Amino acid sequence: MTTELWQGTREGVARLFRRHAPNRETGVVALLDEDARTVGAVDGEEAGEVRRELVPVWRRRLLALLVEHPESMEELRELVERTGSRLPGGQQPWSQTNIAHGSATQFAVQGGNIVYHQSGGEHPASDAFRTGDEA
């Protein structure tokens, strides 16, 4: 993981912590380097799988930084946009927000298909939801 994109992202994350949580910068850089070694130790599909597993871990770490230092939000947003714009088309991050209210049914997909079949009439549980009964 020694690409120019990786180095730029690593430095961007380090700079973010240096400015907003300097006491955590060294530890964060060590974690980034350890994760890079982990990804570099495997090939192909497995490397992709390891990367996908690391996404929620880093999302949680960056969210913790935002909770503690909300003023870092714009800098983080710029880093994400800059990094995302340099990823190959198939690797760019997607964001989607879906909100359903009441008894609405909602379906969403990115980069795939949804096949949905519904028989005629109402769903058997729909009356229980409207009346609050546990039918």
Protein backbone atom coordinates (compact mmCIF):
# COMPACT_ATOMS: atom_id res chain seq x y z
CA MET A 1 0.00 0.00 0.00
CA THR A 2 2.67 2.46 -0.97
CA THR A 3 0.81 4.23 -3.74
CA GLU A 4 0.80 8.00 -4.03
CA LEU A 5 -2.90 7.96 -3.13
CA TRP A 6 -2.21 5.96 0.03
CA GLN A 7 0.66 8.23 1.08
CA GLY A 8 -1.51 11.32 0.55
CA THR A 9 -4.38 9.80 2.52
CA ARG A 10 -2.06 8.68 5.33
CA GLU A 11 -0.55 12.15 5.59
CA GLY A 12 -4.01 13.75 5.46
CA VAL A 13 -5.28 11.62 8.35
CA ALA A 14 -2.08 12.27 10.33
CA ARG A 15 -2.43 16.02 9.74
CA LEU A 16 -6.08 15.90 10.83
CA PHE A 17 -5.15 14.28 14.15
CA ARG A 18 -2.07 16.49 14.54
CA ARG A 19 -4.25 19.61 14.37
CA HIS A 20 -7.23 18.43 16.40
CA ALA A 21 -5.99 15.62 18.67
CA PRO A 22 -2.18 15.86 18.76
CA ASN A 23 -1.91 13.42 21.66
CA ARG A 24 -3.38 10.69 19.39
CA GLU A 25 -1.44 11.39 16.18
CA THR A 26 1.43 8.96 16.82
CA GLY A 27 -0.95 6.13 17.71
CA VAL A 28 -3.16 6.79 14.69
CA VAL A 29 -0.18 6.79 12.32
CA ALA A 30 1.00 3.50 13.86
CA LEU A 31 -2.47 2.01 13.28
CA LEU A 32 -2.51 3.23 9.68
CA ASP A 33 0.90 1.68 9.05
CA GLU A 34 -0.10 -1.59 10.71
CA ASP A 35 -3.28 -1.77 8.62
CA ALA A 36 -1.26 -1.03 5.46
CA ARG A 37 1.10 -3.91 6.29
CA THR A 38 -1.90 -6.20 6.88
CA VAL A 39 -3.40 -5.33 3.49
CA GLY A 40 0.00 -5.62 1.81
CA ALA A 41 0.54 -9.12 3.23
CA VAL A 42 -2.38 -10.60 1.24
CA ASP A 43 -3.25 -10.64 -2.45
CA GLY A 44 -6.20 -9.95 -4.72
CA GLU A 45 -9.65 -10.67 -3.33
CA GLU A 46 -8.35 -11.14 0.18
CA ALA A 47 -6.74 -7.68 0.13
CA GLY A 48 -10.07 -6.22 -0.97
CA GLU A 49 -11.83 -8.07 1.82
CA VAL A 50 -9.35 -6.78 4.42
CA ARG A 51 -9.84 -3.22 3.12
CA ARG A 52 -13.63 -3.58 3.41
CA GLU A 53 -13.26 -4.87 6.97
CA LEU A 54 -11.14 -1.84 7.89
CA VAL A 55 -13.69 0.71 6.63
CA PRO A 56 -16.04 0.56 9.66
CA VAL A 57 -13.06 0.54 12.03
CA TRP A 58 -11.70 3.77 10.57
CA ARG A 59 -15.17 5.25 10.24
CA ARG A 60 -15.59 4.75 14.01
CA ARG A 61 -12.18 6.30 14.77
CA LEU A 62 -12.89 9.34 12.61
CA LEU A 63 -16.38 9.70 14.05
CA ALA A 64 -14.86 9.73 17.54
CA LEU A 65 -12.57 12.55 16.41
CA LEU A 66 -15.57 14.48 15.08
CA VAL A 67 -17.50 14.00 18.32
CA GLU A 68 -14.56 15.28 20.35
CA HIS A 69 -13.56 17.98 17.85
CA PRO A 70 -16.50 19.01 15.65
CA GLU A 71 -14.38 21.81 14.21
CA SER A 72 -12.45 19.12 12.27
CA MET A 73 -15.50 18.28 10.12
CA GLU A 74 -14.67 20.48 7.12
CA GLU A 75 -11.06 19.30 6.98
CA LEU A 76 -12.19 15.66 7.14
CA ARG A 77 -14.82 16.26 4.45
CA GLU A 78 -12.16 17.77 2.17
CA LEU A 79 -9.84 14.80 2.79
CA VAL A 80 -12.62 12.31 1.95
CA GLU A 81 -13.58 14.21 -1.21
CA ARG A 82 -9.97 14.58 -2.35
CA THR A 83 -9.25 10.89 -1.74
CA GLY A 84 -12.52 9.71 -3.28
CA SER A 85 -12.03 11.76 -6.43
CA ARG A 86 -8.69 10.03 -7.05
CA LEU A 87 -10.02 6.47 -6.68
CA PRO A 88 -10.70 4.44 -9.83
CA GLY A 89 -14.39 4.59 -10.80
CA GLY A 90 -15.28 1.20 -9.33
CA GLN A 91 -13.74 2.06 -5.97
CA GLN A 92 -15.25 5.48 -5.32
CA PRO A 93 -17.23 5.64 -2.09
CA TRP A 94 -20.97 6.05 -2.33
CA SER A 95 -23.22 7.69 0.17
CA GLN A 96 -26.95 7.11 0.47
CA THR A 97 -29.53 8.14 3.03
CA ASN A 98 -32.97 6.55 3.05
CA ILE A 99 -35.72 7.50 5.46
CA ALA A 100 -39.10 5.78 5.63
CA HIS A 101 -41.93 6.92 7.87
CA GLY A 102 -45.09 5.30 9.11
CA SER A 103 -45.90 2.02 7.46
CA ALA A 104 -43.89 2.82 4.33
CA THR A 105 -41.85 0.18 2.59
CA GLN A 106 -38.50 1.29 1.26
CA PHE A 107 -35.97 -0.39 -0.99
CA ALA A 108 -32.56 0.93 -1.94
CA VAL A 109 -29.49 -0.41 -3.69
CA GLN A 110 -26.25 0.99 -5.06
CA GLY A 111 -24.39 -0.79 -7.80
CA GLY A 112 -26.68 -3.80 -7.88
CA ASN A 113 -30.23 -4.99 -8.37
CA ILE A 114 -33.34 -5.38 -6.28
CA VAL A 115 -35.91 -7.97 -7.23
CA TYR A 116 -39.10 -7.52 -5.24
CA HIS A 117 -42.24 -9.60 -5.51
CA GLN A 118 -45.44 -8.83 -3.63
CA SER A 119 -48.66 -10.77 -3.80
CA GLY A 120 -51.99 -9.00 -4.04
CA GLY A 121 -53.64 -7.60 -0.95
CA GLU A 122 -52.09 -6.34 2.21
CA HIS A 123 -49.34 -7.98 4.16
CA PRO A 124 -50.81 -10.12 7.00
CA ALA A 125 -48.92 -8.16 9.64
CA SER A 126 -50.01 -4.75 8.35
CA ASP A 127 -53.17 -4.66 10.54
CA ALA A 128 -51.12 -5.45 13.65
CA PHE A 129 -48.84 -2.50 12.93
CA ARG A 130 -51.76 -0.11 12.48
CA THR A 131 -53.62 -1.16 15.62
CA GLY A 132 -50.63 -1.94 17.81
CA ASP A 133 -51.88 -5.52 18.36
CA GLU A 134 -49.39 -8.37 18.41
CA ALA A 135 -51.45 -10.59 16.05
